[in-house]
Protein backbone atom coordinates (compact mmCIF):
# COMPACT_ATOMS: atom_id res chain seq x y z
CA MET A 1 0.00 0.00 0.00
CA LEU A 2 2.84 2.40 0.86
CA VAL A 3 4.42 1.64 -2.53
CA ILE A 4 1.18 2.65 -4.25
CA TYR A 5 1.14 5.92 -2.33
CA ASP A 6 4.79 6.57 -3.27
CA GLU A 7 4.08 6.12 -6.98
CA LEU A 8 0.89 8.17 -6.81
CA ALA A 9 2.94 10.84 -5.06
CA SER A 10 5.32 10.78 -8.02
CA ILE A 11 2.43 11.39 -10.43
CA LEU A 12 0.97 14.18 -8.29
CA ALA A 13 4.41 15.75 -7.86
CA GLY A 14 4.79 15.63 -11.64
CA VAL A 15 1.48 17.47 -12.08
CA ALA A 16 2.54 20.10 -9.53
CA ILE A 17 5.97 20.59 -11.16
CA LEU A 18 4.38 20.82 -14.61
CA LEU A 19 1.94 23.50 -13.36
CA ILE A 20 4.85 25.46 -11.86
CA GLY A 21 6.49 25.25 -15.26
CA MET A 22 3.36 26.59 -16.97
CA MET A 23 3.17 29.48 -14.49
CA ASN A 24 6.80 30.41 -15.15
CA LEU A 25 6.26 30.20 -18.91
CA SER A 26 3.32 32.59 -18.64
CA GLY A 27 5.26 34.93 -16.37
CA GLY A 28 8.25 34.93 -18.70
CA PHE A 29 6.21 35.79 -21.76
CA LYS A 30 4.42 38.56 -19.85
CA THR A 31 7.81 40.24 -19.44
CA PHE A 32 7.93 40.75 -23.20
CA SER A 33 4.27 41.67 -23.56
CA GLY A 34 4.47 45.10 -21.93
CA GLY A 35 4.24 46.93 -25.25
CA LEU A 36 5.02 44.41 -27.97
CA LEU A 37 2.13 41.98 -27.52
CA GLU A 38 -0.57 44.63 -27.39
CA LYS A 39 0.79 46.36 -30.51
CA ILE A 40 0.88 43.07 -32.41
CA LEU A 41 -2.59 42.18 -31.13
CA THR A 42 -4.23 45.40 -32.29
CA LYS A 43 -2.52 45.30 -35.72
CA SER A 44 -2.75 41.56 -36.47
CA THR A 45 -6.42 40.89 -35.80
CA ASP A 46 -8.25 43.15 -38.26
CA THR A 47 -9.77 40.16 -40.11
CA THR A 48 -11.17 36.87 -38.83
CA PRO A 49 -8.50 34.67 -40.50
CA LYS A 50 -5.74 36.90 -39.11
CA SER A 51 -7.32 36.74 -35.63
CA ILE A 52 -7.40 32.93 -35.77
CA ILE A 53 -3.81 32.75 -37.02
CA PHE A 54 -2.69 35.16 -34.29
CA GLY A 55 -4.39 33.08 -31.59
CA THR A 56 -2.88 29.86 -32.97
CA ILE A 57 0.69 31.15 -33.27
CA SER A 58 0.59 32.92 -29.88
CA THR A 59 -0.56 29.76 -28.14
CA VAL A 60 1.99 27.56 -29.93
CA ILE A 61 4.80 29.93 -28.87
CA MET A 62 3.61 30.53 -25.31
CA GLN A 63 2.25 27.01 -24.80
CA SER A 64 -0.59 28.53 -22.81
CA SER A 65 -4.05 28.97 -24.27
CA SER A 66 -5.09 30.27 -20.83
CA LEU A 67 -2.70 33.24 -21.07
CA VAL A 68 -3.87 34.08 -24.61
CA SER A 69 -7.51 33.73 -23.52
CA ILE A 70 -7.05 36.02 -20.51
CA ILE A 71 -5.23 38.64 -22.60
CA SER A 72 -7.98 38.49 -25.26
CA ILE A 73 -10.73 38.91 -22.66
CA SER A 74 -8.85 41.81 -21.07
CA PHE A 75 -8.27 43.58 -24.39
CA LEU A 76 -11.89 43.08 -25.43
CA SER A 77 -13.11 44.41 -22.07
CA ALA A 78 -10.95 47.49 -22.61
CA GLY A 79 -12.55 48.04 -26.01
CA LEU A 80 -9.25 47.64 -27.86
CA ILE A 81 -10.48 44.77 -30.04
CA SER A 82 -13.97 43.83 -31.18
CA LEU A 83 -15.93 40.77 -30.07
CA LEU A 84 -15.43 39.34 -33.57
CA GLN A 85 -11.65 39.70 -33.25
CA GLY A 86 -11.66 38.26 -29.73
CA ILE A 87 -13.61 35.18 -30.79
CA GLY A 88 -11.20 34.63 -33.68
CA ILE A 89 -8.24 34.78 -31.30
CA MET A 90 -9.96 32.39 -28.89
CA PHE A 91 -10.70 29.88 -31.68
CA GLY A 92 -7.07 30.07 -32.79
CA ALA A 93 -5.90 29.55 -29.21
CA ASN A 94 -7.85 26.29 -29.06
CA LEU A 95 -6.19 25.10 -32.26
CA GLY A 96 -2.76 26.21 -31.04
CA ASN A 97 -3.35 24.35 -27.79
CA SER A 98 -3.29 21.05 -29.71
CA ALA A 99 0.44 21.63 -30.27
CA GLY A 100 0.83 20.74 -26.60
CA SER A 101 -0.16 17.14 -27.26
CA TRP A 102 2.55 16.84 -29.93
CA LEU A 103 5.09 18.33 -27.54
CA ILE A 104 4.11 15.97 -24.74
CA VAL A 105 4.17 12.94 -27.06
CA GLY A 106 7.63 13.99 -28.22
CA ILE A 107 9.11 14.46 -24.76
CA THR A 108 7.59 11.27 -23.38
CA SER A 109 9.49 9.29 -26.01
CA ILE A 110 12.93 10.51 -24.85
CA LYS A 111 14.82 10.89 -21.58
CA ILE A 112 13.92 14.53 -21.02
CA SER A 113 15.22 14.89 -17.46
CA SER A 114 18.70 15.30 -18.96
CA PHE A 115 17.45 18.44 -20.77
CA ALA A 116 15.41 19.77 -17.86
CA ILE A 117 18.22 20.29 -15.33
CA PRO A 118 20.52 22.36 -17.61
CA MET A 119 17.55 24.52 -18.59
CA LEU A 120 16.69 25.11 -14.94
CA ILE A 121 20.28 26.03 -14.07
CA ILE A 122 20.66 28.46 -16.98
CA GLY A 123 17.17 29.85 -16.34
CA VAL A 124 17.86 30.56 -12.67
CA LEU A 125 21.17 32.28 -13.49
CA LEU A 126 19.46 34.52 -16.06
CA PHE A 127 16.49 35.20 -13.80
CA PHE A 128 18.73 36.79 -11.15
CA GLN A 129 20.15 39.31 -13.63
CA ASN A 130 19.03 42.94 -13.41
CA ASP A 131 18.10 43.26 -17.08
CA ALA A 132 14.37 42.64 -17.66
CA ILE A 133 15.01 40.76 -20.93
CA PHE A 134 17.42 38.35 -19.22
CA LYS A 135 14.90 37.86 -16.43
CA GLY A 136 12.17 37.07 -18.96
CA VAL A 137 14.31 34.59 -20.89
CA GLY A 138 15.40 33.02 -17.60
CA GLN A 139 11.81 32.57 -16.46
CA ILE A 140 10.87 31.00 -19.80
CA LEU A 141 13.76 28.51 -19.50
CA ILE A 142 12.75 27.74 -15.91
CA GLY A 143 9.21 27.14 -17.15
CA ILE A 144 10.35 24.78 -19.92
CA GLY A 145 12.67 22.97 -17.50
CA PHE A 146 9.91 22.39 -14.95
CA PHE A 147 7.52 21.42 -17.76
CA PHE A 148 9.92 18.71 -18.97
CA LEU A 149 10.65 17.56 -15.43
CA GLY A 150 6.94 17.36 -14.58
CA VAL A 151 6.15 15.23 -17.62
CA ASP A 152 9.07 12.93 -16.73
CA TYR A 153 7.73 12.47 -13.17
CA ILE A 154 4.24 11.68 -14.47
CA LYS A 155 5.59 9.22 -17.05
CA ASN A 156 7.78 7.39 -14.50
CA GLY A 157 4.95 7.34 -11.96
CA PHE A 158 2.62 5.57 -14.37
CA GLU A 159 5.35 3.12 -15.40
CA GLU A 160 5.77 2.05 -11.77
CA VAL A 161 2.16 2.10 -10.64
CA LYS A 162 0.86 -0.04 -13.52
CA GLU A 163 2.30 -3.15 -11.90
CA ILE A 164 0.44 -2.49 -8.65
CA PHE A 165 -2.65 -0.51 -9.59
CA ASN A 166 -3.89 -1.58 -13.01
CA LEU A 167 -6.25 1.05 -14.44
CA GLU A 168 -7.02 -1.21 -17.37
CA ARG A 169 -9.72 -2.97 -15.42
CA PHE A 170 -11.56 0.37 -15.12
CA ASN A 171 -11.72 0.78 -18.89
CA VAL A 172 -15.27 0.67 -20.20
CA GLU A 173 -15.84 -0.49 -23.75
CA GLY A 174 -18.19 1.19 -26.19
CA PHE A 175 -19.89 4.58 -26.18
CA LYS A 176 -20.44 4.48 -22.42
CA GLY A 177 -16.68 4.39 -21.87
CA VAL A 178 -16.21 7.29 -24.30
CA LEU A 179 -18.69 9.41 -22.34
CA ILE A 180 -17.10 8.51 -18.99
CA PHE A 181 -13.56 9.39 -20.08
CA THR A 182 -14.71 12.59 -21.81
CA ALA A 183 -16.23 13.64 -18.49
CA LEU A 184 -13.07 12.60 -16.59
CA GLY A 185 -10.86 14.63 -18.94
CA ALA A 186 -13.13 17.66 -18.54
CA ILE A 187 -13.29 17.42 -14.74
CA LEU A 188 -9.54 16.90 -14.33
CA THR A 189 -8.73 19.86 -16.60
CA GLY A 190 -11.26 22.07 -14.84
CA VAL A 191 -9.81 21.22 -11.43
CA ILE A 192 -6.08 21.60 -12.17
CA GLN A 193 -6.63 24.47 -14.66
CA SER A 194 -4.18 23.09 -17.22
CA SER A 195 -5.05 21.06 -20.29
CA HIS A 196 -1.31 20.38 -20.75
CA ALA A 197 -1.13 18.69 -17.35
CA THR A 198 -4.19 16.59 -18.15
CA LEU A 199 -2.77 15.66 -21.57
CA ALA A 200 0.49 14.60 -19.91
CA ILE A 201 -1.47 12.32 -17.56
CA ILE A 202 -3.58 10.90 -20.42
CA ILE A 203 -0.63 10.16 -22.72
CA SER A 204 1.47 8.73 -19.88
CA ALA A 205 -1.41 6.46 -18.85
CA LEU A 206 -1.87 5.43 -22.49
CA LEU A 207 1.83 4.63 -22.96
CA SER A 208 1.80 2.47 -19.82
CA HIS A 209 -1.34 0.68 -21.09
CA GLN A 210 -3.42 1.94 -18.16
CA ILE A 211 -6.21 3.16 -20.44
CA SER A 212 -7.34 2.11 -23.90
CA TYR A 213 -6.69 4.11 -27.05
CA GLU A 214 -10.35 5.10 -27.54
CA ASN A 215 -10.69 6.14 -23.90
CA ALA A 216 -7.53 8.24 -24.27
CA LEU A 217 -9.09 9.98 -27.28
CA ALA A 218 -12.27 10.64 -25.29
CA ALA A 219 -10.29 12.04 -22.35
CA THR A 220 -8.36 14.29 -24.77
CA LEU A 221 -11.67 15.61 -26.10
CA GLY A 222 -12.66 16.26 -22.49
CA THR A 223 -9.63 18.50 -21.92
CA SER A 224 -11.08 21.01 -24.38
CA VAL A 225 -14.39 21.04 -22.53
CA GLY A 226 -12.67 21.47 -19.15
CA GLY A 227 -10.44 24.20 -20.57
CA VAL A 228 -13.35 26.66 -20.70
CA VAL A 229 -13.19 27.03 -16.91
CA THR A 230 -10.12 29.30 -17.05
CA ALA A 231 -11.78 31.71 -19.50
CA LEU A 232 -15.01 31.70 -17.49
CA LEU A 233 -13.13 32.57 -14.28
CA ALA A 234 -11.18 35.32 -16.07
CA SER A 235 -14.43 36.82 -17.38
CA LEU A 236 -15.99 37.20 -13.92
CA SER A 237 -14.13 40.47 -13.26
CA THR A 238 -14.73 41.91 -16.75
CA ASN A 239 -17.56 43.77 -18.43
CA ILE A 240 -20.29 42.17 -20.53
CA GLU A 241 -18.05 41.95 -23.63
CA GLY A 242 -15.53 39.79 -21.76
CA LYS A 243 -18.35 37.52 -20.62
CA LYS A 244 -19.58 37.19 -24.22
CA LEU A 245 -16.12 36.05 -25.31
CA ALA A 246 -15.95 33.44 -22.55
CA LEU A 247 -19.38 32.17 -23.62
CA ALA A 248 -18.22 32.01 -27.26
CA ASN A 249 -15.35 29.81 -26.07
CA CYS A 250 -17.92 27.53 -24.39
CA ILE A 251 -19.95 27.35 -27.62
CA PHE A 252 -16.80 26.38 -29.53
CA ASN A 253 -15.61 23.66 -27.15
CA PHE A 254 -18.97 22.19 -26.14
CA GLY A 255 -20.12 22.36 -29.76
CA ILE A 256 -17.20 20.37 -31.15
CA ALA A 257 -17.42 17.91 -28.25
CA VAL A 258 -21.06 17.15 -29.11
CA ILE A 259 -20.21 16.80 -32.82
CA VAL A 260 -17.24 14.47 -32.18
CA LEU A 261 -19.19 12.33 -29.70
CA ALA A 262 -22.07 12.02 -32.19
CA VAL A 263 -19.77 10.57 -34.86
CA PHE A 264 -16.96 9.25 -32.65
CA PRO A 265 -16.30 6.01 -34.59
CA TYR A 266 -15.91 8.00 -37.81
CA PHE A 267 -13.43 10.36 -36.15
CA VAL A 268 -11.37 7.36 -35.06
CA MET A 269 -11.42 6.11 -38.65
CA MET A 270 -10.33 9.56 -39.90
CA VAL A 271 -7.43 9.56 -37.43
CA ASP A 272 -6.37 6.09 -38.60
CA PHE A 273 -6.52 7.22 -42.23
CA ILE A 274 -4.46 10.39 -41.57
CA ALA A 275 -1.94 8.43 -39.48
CA GLN A 276 -1.49 5.89 -42.26
CA PHE A 277 -1.23 8.66 -44.87
CA VAL A 278 1.56 10.52 -43.00
CA GLY A 279 3.40 7.35 -42.05
CA ILE A 280 2.55 7.00 -38.36
CA ALA A 281 2.74 3.39 -37.18
CA LYS A 282 -0.58 1.67 -36.62
CA ASP A 283 0.25 0.93 -32.96
CA ASN A 284 1.70 4.39 -32.18
CA PHE A 285 -1.36 5.42 -30.19
CA ALA A 286 0.34 8.40 -28.53
CA LEU A 287 1.01 10.14 -31.85
CA LYS A 288 -2.46 9.20 -33.09
CA THR A 289 -3.89 10.87 -29.97
CA ALA A 290 -2.03 14.05 -30.95
CA VAL A 291 -3.46 13.74 -34.48
CA PHE A 292 -6.96 13.39 -33.00
CA HIS A 293 -6.45 16.48 -30.80
CA THR A 294 -5.36 18.58 -33.78
CA LEU A 295 -8.04 17.16 -36.08
CA PHE A 296 -11.09 17.97 -33.96
CA ASN A 297 -9.78 21.47 -33.14
CA LEU A 298 -9.07 22.15 -36.82
CA ILE A 299 -12.56 21.00 -37.82
CA ALA A 300 -14.02 23.14 -35.03
CA VAL A 301 -12.14 26.22 -36.27
CA ILE A 302 -13.39 25.66 -39.82
CA LEU A 303 -17.01 25.00 -38.79
CA PHE A 304 -17.37 27.72 -36.17
CA GLY A 305 -15.13 30.10 -38.12
CA LEU A 306 -17.76 30.11 -40.87
CA LEU A 307 -20.43 30.83 -38.26
CA ILE A 308 -18.45 33.43 -36.31
CA LYS A 309 -20.55 36.42 -37.41
CA HIS A 310 -23.73 34.58 -36.48
CA ILE A 311 -22.23 33.76 -33.07
CA VAL A 312 -21.48 37.46 -32.54
CA LYS A 313 -25.05 38.41 -33.50
CA PHE A 314 -26.45 35.75 -31.18
CA LEU A 315 -24.32 36.92 -28.24
CA ASP A 316 -25.09 40.61 -28.85
CA ARG A 317 -28.80 39.88 -29.05
CA PHE A 318 -29.24 37.61 -26.04
CA ILE A 319 -26.37 38.52 -23.70
CA LYS A 320 -26.85 42.02 -22.38
CA ALA A 321 -25.62 43.83 -19.31
CA ALA A 322 -28.05 44.00 -16.44
CA LYS A 323 -29.43 47.51 -16.14
CA ASP A 324 -28.11 48.91 -12.91
CA LYS A 325 -30.17 52.04 -12.33
CA ASN A 326 -28.45 52.89 -9.10
CA LYS A 327 -24.73 52.80 -9.81
CA ASP A 328 -22.43 53.11 -12.79
CA LYS A 329 -19.20 51.12 -13.02
CA ALA A 330 -15.92 51.25 -14.89
CA LEU A 331 -16.30 49.75 -18.37
CA TYR A 332 -12.68 49.43 -19.50
CA LEU A 333 -10.44 49.08 -16.44
CA ASP A 334 -9.74 45.34 -16.38
CA PRO A 335 -7.13 44.67 -13.62
CA ASN A 336 -5.27 42.30 -15.98
CA LEU A 337 -4.37 45.27 -18.22
CA THR A 338 -2.16 47.03 -15.66
CA ARG A 339 0.83 44.96 -16.83
CA TYR A 340 0.55 46.26 -20.39
CA PRO A 341 1.53 49.97 -20.46
CA ASP A 342 0.19 51.04 -23.86
CA THR A 343 -3.05 49.17 -23.36
CA ALA A 344 -3.46 50.45 -19.79
CA ILE A 345 -3.11 54.03 -21.08
CA GLU A 346 -5.70 53.43 -23.81
CA ALA A 347 -8.07 51.87 -21.27
CA LEU A 348 -7.63 54.92 -19.02
CA ARG A 349 -8.38 57.23 -21.95
CA LYS A 350 -11.59 55.35 -22.72
CA GLU A 351 -12.64 55.32 -19.04
CA SER A 352 -11.84 59.04 -18.73
CA GLU A 353 -14.10 59.61 -21.74
CA HIS A 354 -16.77 57.56 -19.97
CA LEU A 355 -16.39 59.82 -16.92
CA TYR A 356 -16.61 62.92 -19.13
CA ASN A 357 -19.83 61.60 -20.74
CA ASN A 358 -21.38 61.26 -17.29
CA THR A 359 -20.16 64.71 -16.25
CA TYR A 360 -21.40 66.24 -19.50
CA ALA A 361 -24.89 64.73 -19.08
CA ILE A 362 -25.15 65.85 -15.44
CA ILE A 363 -24.03 69.42 -16.20
CA ALA A 364 -26.36 69.70 -19.21
CA HIS A 365 -29.41 68.61 -17.21
CA THR A 366 -28.47 70.73 -14.21
CA ILE A 367 -28.41 73.92 -16.32
CA GLY A 368 -31.73 73.03 -17.94
CA PHE A 369 -30.62 71.44 -21.23
CA ASN A 370 -30.42 67.88 -22.51
CA ARG A 371 -27.96 66.12 -24.83
CA ARG A 372 -30.14 66.78 -27.87
CA ASP A 373 -30.06 70.50 -27.11
CA ILE A 374 -26.27 70.49 -26.83
CA ARG A 375 -25.83 68.60 -30.11
CA SER A 376 -28.38 70.63 -32.07
CA ASN A 377 -27.73 73.67 -34.27
CA LEU A 378 -30.31 75.82 -32.47
CA SER A 379 -29.04 78.83 -30.57
CA PHE A 380 -29.23 78.44 -26.81
CA SER A 381 -31.18 81.71 -26.58
CA LYS A 382 -33.91 80.15 -28.73
CA ILE A 383 -33.81 76.90 -26.72
CA ILE A 384 -34.25 78.86 -23.48
CA LYS A 385 -37.25 80.78 -24.88
CA THR A 386 -39.06 77.70 -26.21
CA LYS A 387 -38.24 75.18 -23.49
CA LYS A 388 -39.62 74.98 -19.98
CA TRP A 389 -37.37 73.87 -17.15
CA PHE A 390 -38.44 70.72 -15.33
CA ARG A 391 -39.87 71.43 -11.90
CA GLN A 392 -38.04 68.53 -10.30
CA ASN A 393 -34.44 69.31 -9.34
CA VAL A 394 -31.56 67.14 -10.54
CA ASP A 395 -30.36 65.13 -7.53
CA LEU A 396 -26.68 66.06 -7.83
CA ASP A 397 -25.66 64.37 -4.58
CA TYR A 398 -27.05 61.07 -5.77
CA LEU A 399 -25.65 61.42 -9.30
CA TYR A 400 -22.24 62.42 -7.95
CA GLN A 401 -22.08 59.25 -5.82
CA THR A 402 -23.39 56.87 -8.50
CA ARG A 403 -22.05 58.36 -11.75
CA ILE A 404 -18.93 60.36 -10.89
CA LYS A 405 -17.26 59.28 -7.66
CA VAL A 406 -17.39 55.56 -8.48
CA LEU A 407 -15.56 56.12 -11.80
CA PHE A 408 -13.11 58.59 -10.27
CA GLU A 409 -12.11 56.02 -7.62
CA ALA A 410 -11.79 53.27 -10.24
CA ILE A 411 -9.53 55.45 -12.41
CA MET A 412 -7.33 56.37 -9.44
CA GLU A 413 -7.00 52.75 -8.30
CA PHE A 414 -6.24 51.44 -11.80
CA SER A 415 -3.72 54.24 -12.44
CA ALA A 416 -1.84 53.49 -9.23
CA LYS A 417 -1.56 49.80 -10.11
CA ALA A 418 -0.55 50.50 -13.71
CA GLN A 419 2.22 52.89 -12.63
CA LEU A 420 3.80 50.09 -10.58
CA HIS A 421 4.56 48.25 -13.84
CA ILE A 422 5.64 51.25 -15.92
CA LYS A 423 9.18 52.59 -15.90
CA ASP A 424 8.86 54.86 -18.94
CA GLU A 425 8.61 58.45 -17.67
CA ALA A 426 6.52 59.70 -20.61
CA LYS A 427 3.93 56.94 -20.11
CA ASN A 428 3.78 57.64 -16.38
CA GLU A 429 3.18 61.31 -17.13
CA ARG A 430 0.33 60.36 -19.47
CA ILE A 431 -1.28 58.24 -16.75
CA PHE A 432 -0.83 61.09 -14.27
CA ALA A 433 -2.53 63.42 -16.77
CA PHE A 434 -5.60 61.15 -16.83
CA LYS A 435 -5.70 61.29 -13.03
CA ILE A 436 -5.70 65.10 -13.27
CA ALA A 437 -8.50 64.96 -15.87
CA ALA A 438 -10.59 62.71 -13.62
CA LYS A 439 -9.99 65.02 -10.65
CA ASN A 440 -11.01 68.08 -12.70
CA LEU A 441 -14.26 66.47 -13.86
CA THR A 442 -15.04 65.40 -10.31
CA GLU A 443 -14.36 68.91 -8.98
CA ALA A 444 -16.50 70.44 -11.74
CA THR A 445 -19.47 68.33 -10.63
CA LYS A 446 -18.91 69.22 -6.97
CA ASN A 447 -18.71 72.94 -7.80
CA LEU A 448 -21.93 72.66 -9.78
CA LYS A 449 -23.68 71.41 -6.64
CA ILE A 450 -22.85 74.70 -4.91
CA ILE A 451 -24.61 76.89 -7.48
CA GLN A 452 -27.35 74.52 -8.64
CA THR A 453 -30.18 76.14 -6.66
CA ASN A 454 -29.26 79.69 -7.64
CA ILE A 455 -29.02 78.88 -11.36
CA LYS A 456 -32.50 77.41 -11.57
CA LYS A 457 -34.19 79.89 -9.26
CA ASN A 458 -32.64 83.03 -10.73
CA SER A 459 -32.89 81.92 -14.38
CA ASN A 460 -36.66 81.77 -13.85
CA SER A 461 -36.81 85.00 -11.83
CA GLN A 462 -39.50 87.60 -12.52
CA ASN A 463 -36.65 90.13 -12.51
CA GLU A 464 -35.72 90.11 -16.19
CA ASN A 465 -32.23 91.55 -15.59
CA LEU A 466 -31.39 88.89 -13.01
CA ALA A 467 -32.79 86.14 -15.26
CA ASN A 468 -30.74 87.42 -18.21
CA GLU A 469 -27.49 87.27 -16.23
CA TYR A 470 -28.12 83.68 -15.12
CA ASN A 471 -29.28 82.62 -18.57
CA THR A 472 -26.02 84.04 -19.91
CA ILE A 473 -24.20 81.78 -17.46
CA ARG A 474 -26.21 78.81 -18.75
CA ILE A 475 -25.55 79.73 -22.39
CA ASN A 476 -21.79 80.08 -21.84
CA LEU A 477 -21.58 76.65 -20.23
CA GLY A 478 -23.82 75.15 -22.92
CA GLU A 479 -21.60 76.60 -25.66
CA LEU A 480 -18.57 75.02 -24.01
CA LEU A 481 -20.23 71.59 -23.95
CA ARG A 482 -21.26 72.05 -27.60
CA SER A 483 -17.66 72.87 -28.55
CA VAL A 484 -16.47 69.66 -26.91
CA GLU A 485 -19.04 67.67 -28.89
CA GLU A 486 -17.76 69.31 -32.07
CA LEU A 487 -14.21 68.40 -31.06
CA ARG A 488 -15.18 64.74 -30.83
CA LEU A 489 -16.57 64.72 -34.37
CA VAL A 490 -14.05 66.71 -36.40
CA GLU A 491 -10.72 65.66 -37.94
CA ASP A 492 -7.45 66.06 -36.07
CA GLU A 493 -6.41 69.29 -37.82
CA LYS A 494 -9.70 71.02 -37.07
CA ALA A 495 -9.69 69.54 -33.58
CA TYR A 496 -6.43 71.32 -32.92
CA LEU A 497 -8.08 74.65 -33.81
CA ILE A 498 -10.84 73.95 -31.29
CA ILE A 499 -8.21 73.14 -28.67
CA LYS A 500 -6.54 76.48 -29.44
CA ASN A 501 -9.89 78.18 -28.89
CA PHE A 502 -10.15 76.39 -25.56
CA THR A 503 -6.76 77.78 -24.62
CA LYS A 504 -7.95 81.30 -25.48
CA ALA A 505 -11.15 80.66 -23.55
CA LYS A 506 -9.11 79.85 -20.44
CA GLU A 507 -7.35 83.21 -20.77
CA MET A 508 -10.70 84.97 -21.22
CA LEU A 509 -12.07 83.32 -18.08
CA LYS A 510 -9.57 85.33 -16.07
CA GLU A 511 -11.08 88.57 -17.44
CA ILE A 512 -14.68 87.58 -16.77
CA ASP A 513 -14.60 88.63 -13.12
CA ASN A 514 -13.65 92.22 -14.00
CA GLU A 515 -16.24 92.50 -16.78
CA THR A 516 -18.95 90.97 -14.59
CA LEU A 517 -18.07 93.34 -11.75
CA LYS A 518 -18.48 96.39 -14.03
CA LYS A 519 -21.78 95.05 -15.34
CA ILE A 520 -23.11 94.39 -11.84
CA GLU A 521 -22.08 97.88 -10.70
CA ASN A 522 -24.04 99.33 -13.62
CA LEU A 523 -27.15 97.28 -12.82
CA LEU A 524 -26.90 98.19 -9.13
CA SER A 525 -26.53 101.89 -9.87
CA GLN A 526 -29.69 101.74 -12.00
CA GLY A 527 -31.55 99.83 -9.28
CA LYS A 528 -32.27 96.90 -11.60
CA ILE A 529 -30.96 94.30 -9.13
CA THR A 530 -30.42 94.23 -5.38
CA THR A 531 -27.04 94.09 -3.67
CA THR A 532 -27.73 90.49 -2.60
CA GLU A 533 -28.54 89.54 -6.17
CA GLY A 534 -25.40 91.27 -7.42
CA ILE A 535 -23.18 89.39 -4.97
CA SER A 536 -24.92 86.14 -5.96
CA ILE A 537 -24.17 86.79 -9.66
CA LEU A 538 -20.51 87.53 -8.93
CA ASN A 539 -20.03 84.41 -6.80
CA ASP A 540 -21.85 82.11 -9.21
CA THR A 541 -20.01 83.53 -12.23
CA ALA A 542 -16.71 82.76 -10.49
CA PHE A 543 -17.86 79.19 -9.85
CA ILE A 544 -18.98 78.78 -13.48
CA ALA A 545 -15.60 80.08 -14.66
CA LYS A 546 -13.90 77.51 -12.43
CA ILE A 547 -16.15 74.72 -13.74
CA ALA A 548 -15.43 75.76 -17.34
CA GLU A 549 -11.68 75.81 -16.69
CA GLU A 550 -11.81 72.33 -15.11
CA ILE A 551 -13.78 70.96 -18.07
CA ILE A 552 -11.40 72.51 -20.61
CA GLU A 553 -8.31 71.10 -18.89
CA ALA A 554 -9.89 67.64 -18.70
CA VAL A 555 -10.99 67.75 -22.35
CA GLU A 556 -7.51 68.78 -23.50
CA ILE A 557 -6.11 65.65 -21.86
CA ILE A 558 -8.81 63.18 -22.87
CA PHE A 559 -9.69 64.15 -26.44
CA SER A 560 -6.44 65.51 -27.89
CA LYS A 561 -3.63 62.95 -28.22
CA ASP A 562 -0.71 65.29 -28.77
CA GLU A 563 -2.17 68.45 -27.28
CA ILE A 564 0.64 68.98 -24.76
CA LYS A 565 3.30 68.57 -27.41
CA LYS A 566 1.52 70.99 -29.74
CA LYS A 567 1.17 73.61 -27.02
CA GLU A 568 4.89 73.45 -26.34
CA GLU A 569 5.61 73.90 -30.06
CA ASP A 570 3.24 76.90 -30.15
CA LYS A 571 5.04 78.52 -27.25
CA LYS A 572 8.40 78.09 -28.95
CA GLN A 573 7.05 79.64 -32.16
CA GLU A 574 5.60 82.59 -30.25
CA GLU A 575 8.91 83.15 -28.46
CA ASN A 576 10.77 83.12 -31.79
């Protein structure tokens, strides 16, 4: 009995070592993905075939469909790729994952422990270097070394245990056995979170005659079903788009499993035919298992690749975000993106735009307009004359808590985590700029709360002079919001002109106080407003000027990519 436990311990130790190897492989490749992977991803997935090829090649190189899946879900959640592109990458990752079975078959046929130790030694030496590239290469070598060592432990464990604990008697013939081993493969993969580890166990058990060839094929099919667990877990912390991608992965893997099980004998015949055609020996069941793994994934990619647009339509139609009327949430700030500088910055830009959209809507409604008014060509004077203000006040306290503060906190938290992984000063400055933009938008909303009551009350005053002054305040703020909407629609060259106007507007804001003071003095001297009303106009005008300045500074950061650089160039030209 103790001998059995010793050999089982060898198998379990092999699984543990192999998983450590996979973790190090993933970690090593992440070292090189800080800017390179995201750039390749965004440029190499503009068509479905290219997305599938990218997913396949990435998984073959990294030997981790889980890593590729998590990255795809993260990028999709951040809005950097479309659902169509993400599904293509995920399909390709499943096909690329079948390369693992060929690798495992290859290394189980040789004495790989002799390769593992040198790789581990070299990997450790490189890992302790200061250079990030050396560290990454070292971690990859450590991962490969542990991967080889783990497979060797599993193989040796099954060789020893077969004499004592014969799994052959548990083999079930026929379709019932196929179903049982498909389920076992799925469960084992779902539990240990590594299809490679499960494949190593399956092939080692097959080579030691512990399980039959057909049961090994069924268990291999099960690894694809169990592999969806990783993507599902990764999608839990993402937005609805990430969840759609994880579900598409389930459709792919469960779909092909059902198809293969329905015609299982014919698939076995196809494998035998291909094996004979390429010269694989009839009794080389390990290699034929690898052929089977590649075959069903390839067929799945072809079948579901043709249906990919229909899958997207189905997911978009039936999978929708639950309407949360009480609280907004960050749409693009997936925690997994903090390790990828360029992508983290783009996610922050999109989330900052989300925060601006909320701020814009709140300000527009608070000053008596709606989004349609802001985007229309009608003059605000005409809108004010023809439109009645709603009696019910906008609950700014509630909206601030549920639409502004929650996003501000998410941006600050994400930025802090992203900056831990970024050493480039320029990129850190860009992230800091988004924090400033978020702070400005938050402050603008808080300042609006201070003057909300006065704006509505005095804009509807029976005193025409007082109403005119407050309506002027409303019009000025409305014009600013309209200019920002124009900025978002025009081309870059024209956008720069609008930004220049914003810069001039900031300078003009400094002169408003003096002009307003003179105007108020004139109205007071004529007895058209009271002293209290005059002071109210002055105070509220100052707050509006502050709100406008905060909006302009935030907009310059969020909507103009090279605005800072252009301003510096302008200053140099003016000095010359």
